[in-house]
Amino acid sequence: MTTGPATKPYLIRAIYEWCTDSGFTPYLAVQVDDYTQVPKAYVKEGRIVLNIGADAVKNLHLGNEDITCSGRFGGVAHQIIVPVAAVVGIFAKENGQGLVFQASQTVLPTVDGADGPLSPTPGKPKLTIVK
């Protein structure tokens, strides 16, 4: 049996498209590793949450291996490169719906303005924003 391409990049693109079609803001939760290029000052406990909406980033490319774009952090432009393997989840900021990808003992970081961490519940994964 031959295996085809990994499903993760396709699922990321599908949730991104669903978010934009629904008028939601797509957020990407990332476990930062040596290959992830994000502003280190914004990384907390090895994780970062990125707003990848059209109003927040330019030249977004959701590839099969990497997600790339340019974005501003504190008014300073940065080139962002996130390996698809480092993506922990993708979700809509407004309602927390999206996908969490399996990772060993991963807890999603908080989104600015949220009071608590976003974390999957036992059983079926689900993201929620705690206000």
C-alpha atoms as a PDB file:
ATOM      1  CA  MET A   1       0.000   0.000   0.000  1.00  0.00           C
ATOM      2  CA  THR A   2       1.405   3.391  -0.981  1.00  0.00           C
ATOM      3  CA  THR A   3       0.799   6.405   1.178  1.00  0.00           C
ATOM      4  CA  GLY A   4      -0.035   9.706  -0.428  1.00  0.00           C
ATOM      5  CA  PRO A   5       0.767  13.193   0.738  1.00  0.00           C
ATOM      6  CA  ALA A   6       0.141  14.048   4.379  1.00  0.00           C
ATOM      7  CA  THR A   7      -3.351  15.334   5.148  1.00  0.00           C
ATOM      8  CA  LYS A   8      -2.282  18.026   7.639  1.00  0.00           C
ATOM      9  CA  PRO A   9      -1.484  20.813   5.122  1.00  0.00           C
ATOM     10  CA  TYR A  10      -4.767  20.160   3.322  1.00  0.00           C
ATOM     11  CA  LEU A  11      -6.717  20.336   6.582  1.00  0.00           C
ATOM     12  CA  ILE A  12      -4.961  23.596   7.505  1.00  0.00           C
ATOM     13  CA  ARG A  13      -5.941  25.102   4.150  1.00  0.00           C
ATOM     14  CA  ALA A  14      -9.521  23.850   4.541  1.00  0.00           C
ATOM     15  CA  ILE A  15      -9.985  25.428   7.983  1.00  0.00           C
ATOM     16  CA  TYR A  16      -8.309  28.638   6.771  1.00  0.00           C
ATOM     17  CA  GLU A  17     -10.744  28.806   3.848  1.00  0.00           C
ATOM     18  CA  TRP A  18     -13.711  28.031   6.109  1.00  0.00           C
ATOM     19  CA  CYS A  19     -12.651  30.844   8.467  1.00  0.00           C
ATOM     20  CA  THR A  20     -12.303  33.406   5.693  1.00  0.00           C
ATOM     21  CA  ASP A  21     -15.533  32.334   3.972  1.00  0.00           C
ATOM     22  CA  SER A  22     -17.358  32.653   7.301  1.00  0.00           C
ATOM     23  CA  GLY A  23     -15.917  36.084   8.093  1.00  0.00           C
ATOM     24  CA  PHE A  24     -13.819  34.692  10.968  1.00  0.00           C
ATOM     25  CA  THR A  25     -10.195  35.452  11.810  1.00  0.00           C
ATOM     26  CA  PRO A  26      -7.957  32.392  11.320  1.00  0.00           C
ATOM     27  CA  TYR A  27      -5.384  31.842  14.067  1.00  0.00           C
ATOM     28  CA  LEU A  28      -2.533  29.360  13.869  1.00  0.00           C
ATOM     29  CA  ALA A  29      -1.169  27.759  17.060  1.00  0.00           C
ATOM     30  CA  VAL A  30       2.487  26.817  16.624  1.00  0.00           C
ATOM     31  CA  GLN A  31       4.993  24.821  18.681  1.00  0.00           C
ATOM     32  CA  VAL A  32       8.186  26.760  17.972  1.00  0.00           C
ATOM     33  CA  ASP A  33      11.215  24.652  17.027  1.00  0.00           C
ATOM     34  CA  ASP A  34      14.626  25.295  15.456  1.00  0.00           C
ATOM     35  CA  TYR A  35      13.089  25.561  11.978  1.00  0.00           C
ATOM     36  CA  THR A  36      10.305  27.990  12.922  1.00  0.00           C
ATOM     37  CA  GLN A  37      11.076  31.624  12.081  1.00  0.00           C
ATOM     38  CA  VAL A  38       8.953  33.948  14.213  1.00  0.00           C
ATOM     39  CA  PRO A  39       9.896  36.908  16.424  1.00  0.00           C
ATOM     40  CA  LYS A  40      11.315  35.181  19.506  1.00  0.00           C
ATOM     41  CA  ALA A  41      10.124  37.995  21.791  1.00  0.00           C
ATOM     42  CA  TYR A  42       6.529  36.852  21.178  1.00  0.00           C
ATOM     43  CA  VAL A  43       7.144  33.176  21.918  1.00  0.00           C
ATOM     44  CA  LYS A  44       5.823  32.044  25.315  1.00  0.00           C
ATOM     45  CA  GLU A  45       6.687  28.645  26.740  1.00  0.00           C
ATOM     46  CA  GLY A  46       7.858  27.507  23.306  1.00  0.00           C
ATOM     47  CA  ARG A  47       4.575  28.388  21.597  1.00  0.00           C
ATOM     48  CA  ILE A  48       3.078  31.250  19.620  1.00  0.00           C
ATOM     49  CA  VAL A  49      -0.364  32.013  18.229  1.00  0.00           C
ATOM     50  CA  LEU A  50      -0.386  33.827  14.893  1.00  0.00           C
ATOM     51  CA  ASN A  51      -3.228  35.770  13.319  1.00  0.00           C
ATOM     52  CA  ILE A  52      -2.999  34.687   9.671  1.00  0.00           C
ATOM     53  CA  GLY A  53      -6.005  36.658   8.475  1.00  0.00           C
ATOM     54  CA  ALA A  54      -5.718  38.743   5.294  1.00  0.00           C
ATOM     55  CA  ASP A  55      -5.761  41.964   7.358  1.00  0.00           C
ATOM     56  CA  ALA A  56      -2.828  40.789   9.502  1.00  0.00           C
ATOM     57  CA  VAL A  57      -0.352  39.244   7.051  1.00  0.00           C
ATOM     58  CA  LYS A  58       0.883  39.678   3.488  1.00  0.00           C
ATOM     59  CA  ASN A  59       1.911  37.096   0.908  1.00  0.00           C
ATOM     60  CA  LEU A  60       0.477  34.172   2.871  1.00  0.00           C
ATOM     61  CA  HIS A  61       1.413  30.816   1.359  1.00  0.00           C
ATOM     62  CA  LEU A  62      -0.058  27.683   2.935  1.00  0.00           C
ATOM     63  CA  GLY A  63       2.291  25.106   1.444  1.00  0.00           C
ATOM     64  CA  ASN A  64       2.614  21.382   2.004  1.00  0.00           C
ATOM     65  CA  GLU A  65       5.902  21.737   3.919  1.00  0.00           C
ATOM     66  CA  ASP A  66       5.898  25.333   5.214  1.00  0.00           C
ATOM     67  CA  ILE A  67       3.544  28.213   5.902  1.00  0.00           C
ATOM     68  CA  THR A  68       5.110  31.534   4.974  1.00  0.00           C
ATOM     69  CA  CYS A  69       4.035  35.165   5.156  1.00  0.00           C
ATOM     70  CA  SER A  70       5.159  38.557   6.337  1.00  0.00           C
ATOM     71  CA  GLY A  71       3.586  40.211   9.328  1.00  0.00           C
ATOM     72  CA  ARG A  72       4.082  43.084  11.716  1.00  0.00           C
ATOM     73  CA  PHE A  73       4.875  42.632  15.381  1.00  0.00           C
ATOM     74  CA  GLY A  74       5.018  45.810  17.423  1.00  0.00           C
ATOM     75  CA  GLY A  75       5.085  47.787  14.174  1.00  0.00           C
ATOM     76  CA  VAL A  76       8.152  45.943  12.846  1.00  0.00           C
ATOM     77  CA  ALA A  77       7.853  43.772   9.723  1.00  0.00           C
ATOM     78  CA  HIS A  78       8.996  40.145  10.031  1.00  0.00           C
ATOM     79  CA  GLN A  79       9.211  37.251   7.608  1.00  0.00           C
ATOM     80  CA  ILE A  80       7.397  34.260   9.137  1.00  0.00           C
ATOM     81  CA  ILE A  81       8.216  30.647   8.271  1.00  0.00           C
ATOM     82  CA  VAL A  82       6.345  27.873  10.064  1.00  0.00           C
ATOM     83  CA  PRO A  83       6.941  24.237   9.184  1.00  0.00           C
ATOM     84  CA  VAL A  84       3.608  22.434   8.817  1.00  0.00           C
ATOM     85  CA  ALA A  85       4.930  19.872  11.308  1.00  0.00           C
ATOM     86  CA  ALA A  86       5.118  22.630  13.969  1.00  0.00           C
ATOM     87  CA  VAL A  87       1.439  23.575  13.620  1.00  0.00           C
ATOM     88  CA  VAL A  88      -0.500  22.476  16.696  1.00  0.00           C
ATOM     89  CA  GLY A  89      -3.871  23.785  15.544  1.00  0.00           C
ATOM     90  CA  ILE A  90      -5.833  26.236  13.434  1.00  0.00           C
ATOM     91  CA  PHE A  91      -8.995  27.887  14.680  1.00  0.00           C
ATOM     92  CA  ALA A  92     -11.344  30.839  14.353  1.00  0.00           C
ATOM     93  CA  LYS A  93     -10.658  33.581  16.897  1.00  0.00           C
ATOM     94  CA  GLU A  94     -14.340  34.459  17.202  1.00  0.00           C
ATOM     95  CA  ASN A  95     -15.692  31.059  18.245  1.00  0.00           C
ATOM     96  CA  GLY A  96     -12.669  28.794  18.824  1.00  0.00           C
ATOM     97  CA  GLN A  97     -13.815  26.247  16.244  1.00  0.00           C
ATOM     98  CA  GLY A  98     -11.111  24.556  14.238  1.00  0.00           C
ATOM     99  CA  LEU A  99      -8.736  21.640  14.429  1.00  0.00           C
ATOM    100  CA  VAL A 100      -6.144  20.506  16.951  1.00  0.00           C
ATOM    101  CA  PHE A 101      -3.479  18.195  15.617  1.00  0.00           C
ATOM    102  CA  GLN A 102      -2.179  15.344  17.726  1.00  0.00           C
ATOM    103  CA  ALA A 103       1.034  16.108  19.529  1.00  0.00           C
ATOM    104  CA  SER A 104       2.532  14.709  22.666  1.00  0.00           C
ATOM    105  CA  GLN A 105       1.273  16.615  25.707  1.00  0.00           C
ATOM    106  CA  THR A 106       0.519  19.829  23.842  1.00  0.00           C
ATOM    107  CA  VAL A 107      -1.380  22.639  25.504  1.00  0.00           C
ATOM    108  CA  LEU A 108      -2.366  25.533  23.289  1.00  0.00           C
ATOM    109  CA  PRO A 109      -1.268  29.005  24.371  1.00  0.00           C
ATOM    110  CA  THR A 110      -3.638  31.804  25.243  1.00  0.00           C
ATOM    111  CA  VAL A 111      -4.883  34.269  22.669  1.00  0.00           C
ATOM    112  CA  ASP A 112      -4.416  37.948  23.502  1.00  0.00           C
ATOM    113  CA  GLY A 113      -7.432  39.063  25.486  1.00  0.00           C
ATOM    114  CA  ALA A 114      -8.321  35.573  26.688  1.00  0.00           C
ATOM    115  CA  ASP A 115      -8.229  34.810  30.408  1.00  0.00           C
ATOM    116  CA  GLY A 116      -7.121  31.191  30.206  1.00  0.00           C
ATOM    117  CA  PRO A 117      -5.318  28.695  28.004  1.00  0.00           C
ATOM    118  CA  LEU A 118      -6.924  27.090  25.001  1.00  0.00           C
ATOM    119  CA  SER A 119      -6.659  23.365  25.447  1.00  0.00           C
ATOM    120  CA  PRO A 120      -8.257  20.313  23.937  1.00  0.00           C
ATOM    121  CA  THR A 121     -10.767  18.481  26.114  1.00  0.00           C
ATOM    122  CA  PRO A 122     -10.353  14.751  26.691  1.00  0.00           C
ATOM    123  CA  GLY A 123     -11.907  12.737  23.908  1.00  0.00           C
ATOM    124  CA  LYS A 124     -12.955  14.834  20.947  1.00  0.00           C
ATOM    125  CA  PRO A 125     -10.591  17.822  20.380  1.00  0.00           C
ATOM    126  CA  LYS A 126     -12.254  21.250  20.563  1.00  0.00           C
ATOM    127  CA  LEU A 127     -10.906  24.760  20.981  1.00  0.00           C
ATOM    128  CA  THR A 128     -12.748  27.419  22.901  1.00  0.00           C
ATOM    129  CA  ILE A 129     -11.932  30.991  23.854  1.00  0.00           C
ATOM    130  CA  VAL A 130     -12.411  31.670  27.546  1.00  0.00           C
ATOM    131  CA  LYS A 131     -13.611  35.203  28.283  1.00  0.00           C
END
